[in-house]
Amino acid sequence: MNRRLTIAVGIALTVLAVLVGPARAQQPKFDPSDDGLPAGLAAFLEARLLEGEDKYREALAAYERALAEDPSVVEVRIGFADLLFRLGVTDRAVSLLEGVDELDWHGRRVYALALAQFSVQHPERMVEAGAALEEVLGERDDDPNLQLALGQLLHRMDRIDEAEAVIAELRKNRPGSPQLISYHATLLRQLERREEAAELFAECAASPVMGEQCRDTAVDL
């Protein structure tokens, strides 16, 4: 991206941070088309504002306009792909970022998460997804969404011992999550580590969220 577009994106996101916040309902309506931004960035700013207001259908349309006006703006692709991924449209999210060389860490994070989810229906992409997840985790290893995605991916690849190690590490920072406790116990059971699995199932049996499921599973051990 050239310097002018980079500066414009920075200005746009600064304006966005001012406009979107706890008091956003009281803010005056902002018309990004009046700001003289380069092609695509006015629609991009509009998309971010709409996304911040949970108006996802309108935000998607604005992202489409921004992409059509200037497909070279990487920030547009990252923002669009991030929203698509969170809405479950992983095929389009992957296609928006695939082959883009200028992705920052956040862009590579979005791509890795989208590709991991995409690989559920396209298992031929699992190895690639695993490499993408490990790459971004290699730079920042404390992202719980990346850790969980990697653990689940390794599980689907039948690399149970590696999946268990990832989930065990994740649980250190989220010790009270009954869903994680149950998932960790399931992995331990598959590794024939039944005593450890039974302890975890007993722990999550007290949870109002997972209690019944954990109690039923513990009986089978």
Foldseek 3Di string as FASTA:
>chain_A
DDPLLVVLLVVLVVVLVVCQDPVNVPDDDDQLVPVPHPQLVSLLSVLSNCVSVVVNVSSLVSLVRSCVRPVPPVVSLQVNLQSCVVVPVLVSSLVSLPPDDPDDLSSLVSNLLSQLSVCVVVVVCLVVSLVSLVVSCVVPVLDLSSLQSNLVSCVVVVVLVVSLVSLVVSCVVVVPDLVSLQVNLVSCVVVVVNVSSLVSLVVSLPPPVCNVVSVVVSVVD
